[in-house]
Amino acid sequence: MERKDFLKRCAALTAGVACLDLAMAGCATLPYARYTLDGADAVVAKADFTESGFVLLHVPSLPAPLYVARVAPDRYTALLLRCSHRGCTVRPAGEILECPCHGSRYSRHGDVLRGPAPHSLHQYPVTTNTEYVRIALSLS
């Protein structure tokens, strides 16, 4: 095989691996959900919850995403994903929430599992009916 052909094949292989990597990253995206605002409340449909039992809401007036999780068959929690240590955005990681900046870990209820975070995540009041989860953003 000539050098020119070898380099072409290497370039094609590299491009294929890069495309596969991008495709896999797309599969791993976090489940942001659509919601409506009803006064100062965010309202999300229960049908939008993924198999993992949570959704994220991007609420422009909040400094970080809102994590809304089903923690029991008809019980939900809503947490601001802003670390109480330095304000980094916390990320869902399986059954825990993890801060990528300094390693703090929180439970799905927002309780600190491992520091250096000094406090739990900020929690918003949640009410439900048969179809919707309502998060009271004004009562924070």
C-alpha atoms as a PDB file:
ATOM      1  CA  MET A   1       0.000   0.000   0.000  1.00  0.00           C
ATOM      2  CA  GLU A   2       1.333   3.409  -0.908  1.00  0.00           C
ATOM      3  CA  ARG A   3       1.741   6.106   1.731  1.00  0.00           C
ATOM      4  CA  LYS A   4      -0.934   8.286   0.098  1.00  0.00           C
ATOM      5  CA  ASP A   5      -3.516   5.448   0.233  1.00  0.00           C
ATOM      6  CA  PHE A   6      -2.561   4.651   3.818  1.00  0.00           C
ATOM      7  CA  LEU A   7      -3.098   8.286   4.884  1.00  0.00           C
ATOM      8  CA  LYS A   8      -6.487   8.408   3.115  1.00  0.00           C
ATOM      9  CA  ARG A   9      -7.634   5.275   4.927  1.00  0.00           C
ATOM     10  CA  CYS A  10      -6.407   6.607   8.260  1.00  0.00           C
ATOM     11  CA  ALA A  11      -8.273   9.878   7.663  1.00  0.00           C
ATOM     12  CA  ALA A  12     -11.480   7.985   6.779  1.00  0.00           C
ATOM     13  CA  LEU A  13     -11.152   5.779   9.852  1.00  0.00           C
ATOM     14  CA  THR A  14     -10.549   8.794  12.081  1.00  0.00           C
ATOM     15  CA  ALA A  15     -13.594  10.569  10.653  1.00  0.00           C
ATOM     16  CA  GLY A  16     -15.716   7.451  11.196  1.00  0.00           C
ATOM     17  CA  VAL A  17     -14.617   7.151  14.818  1.00  0.00           C
ATOM     18  CA  ALA A  18     -15.318  10.868  15.383  1.00  0.00           C
ATOM     19  CA  CYS A  19     -18.835  10.494  13.945  1.00  0.00           C
ATOM     20  CA  LEU A  20     -19.488   7.451  16.122  1.00  0.00           C
ATOM     21  CA  ASP A  21     -18.288   9.381  19.162  1.00  0.00           C
ATOM     22  CA  LEU A  22     -20.651  12.265  18.366  1.00  0.00           C
ATOM     23  CA  ALA A  23     -23.542   9.864  17.837  1.00  0.00           C
ATOM     24  CA  MET A  24     -22.906   8.177  21.174  1.00  0.00           C
ATOM     25  CA  ALA A  25     -22.667  11.552  22.926  1.00  0.00           C
ATOM     26  CA  GLY A  26     -26.066  12.435  21.452  1.00  0.00           C
ATOM     27  CA  CYS A  27     -27.550   9.300  23.027  1.00  0.00           C
ATOM     28  CA  ALA A  28     -26.255  10.337  26.407  1.00  0.00           C
ATOM     29  CA  THR A  29     -27.940  13.735  26.475  1.00  0.00           C
ATOM     30  CA  LEU A  30     -29.837  14.641  29.592  1.00  0.00           C
ATOM     31  CA  PRO A  31     -33.660  14.663  29.472  1.00  0.00           C
ATOM     32  CA  TYR A  32     -34.694  18.324  29.374  1.00  0.00           C
ATOM     33  CA  ALA A  33     -38.474  18.559  29.370  1.00  0.00           C
ATOM     34  CA  ARG A  34     -40.916  21.101  28.085  1.00  0.00           C
ATOM     35  CA  TYR A  35     -42.924  22.905  30.705  1.00  0.00           C
ATOM     36  CA  THR A  36     -45.380  25.750  30.989  1.00  0.00           C
ATOM     37  CA  LEU A  37     -45.459  28.629  33.409  1.00  0.00           C
ATOM     38  CA  ASP A  38     -48.695  29.138  35.299  1.00  0.00           C
ATOM     39  CA  GLY A  39     -48.144  32.319  37.265  1.00  0.00           C
ATOM     40  CA  ALA A  40     -44.934  31.657  39.168  1.00  0.00           C
ATOM     41  CA  ASP A  41     -45.263  27.872  38.916  1.00  0.00           C
ATOM     42  CA  ALA A  42     -43.535  25.587  36.425  1.00  0.00           C
ATOM     43  CA  VAL A  43     -45.846  22.795  35.270  1.00  0.00           C
ATOM     44  CA  VAL A  44     -44.513  19.628  33.614  1.00  0.00           C
ATOM     45  CA  ALA A  45     -46.488  16.605  32.401  1.00  0.00           C
ATOM     46  CA  LYS A  46     -45.900  13.351  34.273  1.00  0.00           C
ATOM     47  CA  ALA A  47     -45.786  11.647  30.875  1.00  0.00           C
ATOM     48  CA  ASP A  48     -42.523  13.507  30.128  1.00  0.00           C
ATOM     49  CA  PHE A  49     -40.577  11.709  32.848  1.00  0.00           C
ATOM     50  CA  THR A  50     -38.016   9.304  31.448  1.00  0.00           C
ATOM     51  CA  GLU A  51     -37.267   5.764  32.553  1.00  0.00           C
ATOM     52  CA  SER A  52     -34.677   7.229  34.901  1.00  0.00           C
ATOM     53  CA  GLY A  53     -37.501   8.978  36.747  1.00  0.00           C
ATOM     54  CA  PHE A  54     -36.333  12.560  36.341  1.00  0.00           C
ATOM     55  CA  VAL A  55     -36.373  15.503  33.969  1.00  0.00           C
ATOM     56  CA  LEU A  56     -34.451  18.739  33.842  1.00  0.00           C
ATOM     57  CA  LEU A  57     -36.072  22.115  33.295  1.00  0.00           C
ATOM     58  CA  HIS A  58     -34.258  25.131  31.919  1.00  0.00           C
ATOM     59  CA  VAL A  59     -35.951  28.048  33.670  1.00  0.00           C
ATOM     60  CA  PRO A  60     -34.308  31.302  32.479  1.00  0.00           C
ATOM     61  CA  SER A  61     -34.900  33.077  35.805  1.00  0.00           C
ATOM     62  CA  LEU A  62     -32.944  30.411  37.730  1.00  0.00           C
ATOM     63  CA  PRO A  63     -29.137  30.286  37.954  1.00  0.00           C
ATOM     64  CA  ALA A  64     -28.989  26.536  37.191  1.00  0.00           C
ATOM     65  CA  PRO A  65     -31.236  23.803  35.773  1.00  0.00           C
ATOM     66  CA  LEU A  66     -34.095  22.468  37.850  1.00  0.00           C
ATOM     67  CA  TYR A  67     -33.980  18.725  38.583  1.00  0.00           C
ATOM     68  CA  VAL A  68     -37.459  17.242  39.023  1.00  0.00           C
ATOM     69  CA  ALA A  69     -37.450  13.609  40.133  1.00  0.00           C
ATOM     70  CA  ARG A  70     -40.028  10.975  40.919  1.00  0.00           C
ATOM     71  CA  VAL A  71     -38.867   9.675  44.326  1.00  0.00           C
ATOM     72  CA  ALA A  72     -41.913   7.475  45.023  1.00  0.00           C
ATOM     73  CA  PRO A  73     -44.879   6.366  42.882  1.00  0.00           C
ATOM     74  CA  ASP A  74     -46.674   9.710  43.284  1.00  0.00           C
ATOM     75  CA  ARG A  75     -44.058  11.799  45.098  1.00  0.00           C
ATOM     76  CA  TYR A  76     -41.741  14.240  43.350  1.00  0.00           C
ATOM     77  CA  THR A  77     -38.940  16.555  44.369  1.00  0.00           C
ATOM     78  CA  ALA A  78     -37.598  19.657  42.616  1.00  0.00           C
ATOM     79  CA  LEU A  79     -34.015  20.748  43.233  1.00  0.00           C
ATOM     80  CA  LEU A  80     -31.896  23.594  41.926  1.00  0.00           C
ATOM     81  CA  LEU A  81     -28.757  21.990  40.489  1.00  0.00           C
ATOM     82  CA  ARG A  82     -26.431  24.601  41.963  1.00  0.00           C
ATOM     83  CA  CYS A  83     -23.790  23.266  44.345  1.00  0.00           C
ATOM     84  CA  SER A  84     -23.848  24.847  47.794  1.00  0.00           C
ATOM     85  CA  HIS A  85     -20.048  24.804  47.881  1.00  0.00           C
ATOM     86  CA  ARG A  86     -19.047  27.117  45.012  1.00  0.00           C
ATOM     87  CA  GLY A  87     -22.131  27.371  42.820  1.00  0.00           C
ATOM     88  CA  CYS A  88     -21.109  24.927  40.083  1.00  0.00           C
ATOM     89  CA  THR A  89     -23.840  23.159  38.148  1.00  0.00           C
ATOM     90  CA  VAL A  90     -24.485  19.723  39.634  1.00  0.00           C
ATOM     91  CA  ARG A  91     -25.156  16.814  37.243  1.00  0.00           C
ATOM     92  CA  PRO A  92     -27.316  13.706  37.558  1.00  0.00           C
ATOM     93  CA  ALA A  93     -25.131  10.587  37.758  1.00  0.00           C
ATOM     94  CA  GLY A  94     -27.341   7.540  38.192  1.00  0.00           C
ATOM     95  CA  GLU A  95     -28.976   7.608  41.611  1.00  0.00           C
ATOM     96  CA  ILE A  96     -26.900  10.569  42.823  1.00  0.00           C
ATOM     97  CA  LEU A  97     -26.248  14.165  41.847  1.00  0.00           C
ATOM     98  CA  GLU A  98     -22.593  15.071  41.471  1.00  0.00           C
ATOM     99  CA  CYS A  99     -20.686  18.348  41.311  1.00  0.00           C
ATOM    100  CA  PRO A 100     -17.964  18.164  38.657  1.00  0.00           C
ATOM    101  CA  CYS A 101     -15.947  20.994  40.208  1.00  0.00           C
ATOM    102  CA  HIS A 102     -14.962  19.662  43.641  1.00  0.00           C
ATOM    103  CA  GLY A 103     -16.666  16.265  43.910  1.00  0.00           C
ATOM    104  CA  SER A 104     -19.590  16.994  46.199  1.00  0.00           C
ATOM    105  CA  ARG A 105     -22.356  14.418  45.973  1.00  0.00           C
ATOM    106  CA  TYR A 106     -26.047  14.733  46.776  1.00  0.00           C
ATOM    107  CA  SER A 107     -28.923  12.283  47.065  1.00  0.00           C
ATOM    108  CA  ARG A 108     -31.947  12.496  44.774  1.00  0.00           C
ATOM    109  CA  HIS A 109     -33.590  14.368  47.667  1.00  0.00           C
ATOM    110  CA  GLY A 110     -30.788  16.978  47.638  1.00  0.00           C
ATOM    111  CA  ASP A 111     -29.079  15.895  50.866  1.00  0.00           C
ATOM    112  CA  VAL A 112     -25.276  16.105  51.000  1.00  0.00           C
ATOM    113  CA  LEU A 113     -23.726  12.640  50.754  1.00  0.00           C
ATOM    114  CA  ARG A 114     -20.129  13.832  50.437  1.00  0.00           C
ATOM    115  CA  GLY A 115     -18.571  17.287  50.796  1.00  0.00           C
ATOM    116  CA  PRO A 116     -17.101  19.785  50.528  1.00  0.00           C
ATOM    117  CA  ALA A 117     -20.667  21.072  50.018  1.00  0.00           C
ATOM    118  CA  PRO A 118     -21.855  22.544  53.334  1.00  0.00           C
ATOM    119  CA  HIS A 119     -25.630  22.456  52.652  1.00  0.00           C
ATOM    120  CA  SER A 120     -28.279  20.498  50.804  1.00  0.00           C
ATOM    121  CA  LEU A 121     -29.425  21.603  47.370  1.00  0.00           C
ATOM    122  CA  HIS A 122     -32.177  24.223  47.287  1.00  0.00           C
ATOM    123  CA  GLN A 123     -35.564  22.498  47.138  1.00  0.00           C
ATOM    124  CA  TYR A 124     -38.793  23.900  45.694  1.00  0.00           C
ATOM    125  CA  PRO A 125     -42.308  22.935  46.853  1.00  0.00           C
ATOM    126  CA  VAL A 126     -44.000  20.410  44.565  1.00  0.00           C
ATOM    127  CA  THR A 127     -47.657  19.433  44.176  1.00  0.00           C
ATOM    128  CA  THR A 128     -49.149  16.909  41.760  1.00  0.00           C
ATOM    129  CA  ASN A 129     -52.406  15.818  40.244  1.00  0.00           C
ATOM    130  CA  THR A 130     -53.121  12.861  37.967  1.00  0.00           C
ATOM    131  CA  GLU A 131     -51.377  14.418  34.942  1.00  0.00           C
ATOM    132  CA  TYR A 132     -48.994  17.152  36.069  1.00  0.00           C
ATOM    133  CA  VAL A 133     -46.227  18.080  38.463  1.00  0.00           C
ATOM    134  CA  ARG A 134     -46.348  21.704  39.641  1.00  0.00           C
ATOM    135  CA  ILE A 135     -43.228  23.395  41.045  1.00  0.00           C
ATOM    136  CA  ALA A 136     -43.758  26.589  43.060  1.00  0.00           C
ATOM    137  CA  LEU A 137     -40.863  28.790  41.966  1.00  0.00           C
ATOM    138  CA  SER A 138     -42.024  31.850  43.912  1.00  0.00           C
ATOM    139  CA  LEU A 139     -41.860  30.128  47.304  1.00  0.00           C
ATOM    140  CA  SER A 140     -38.097  29.678  47.217  1.00  0.00           C
END
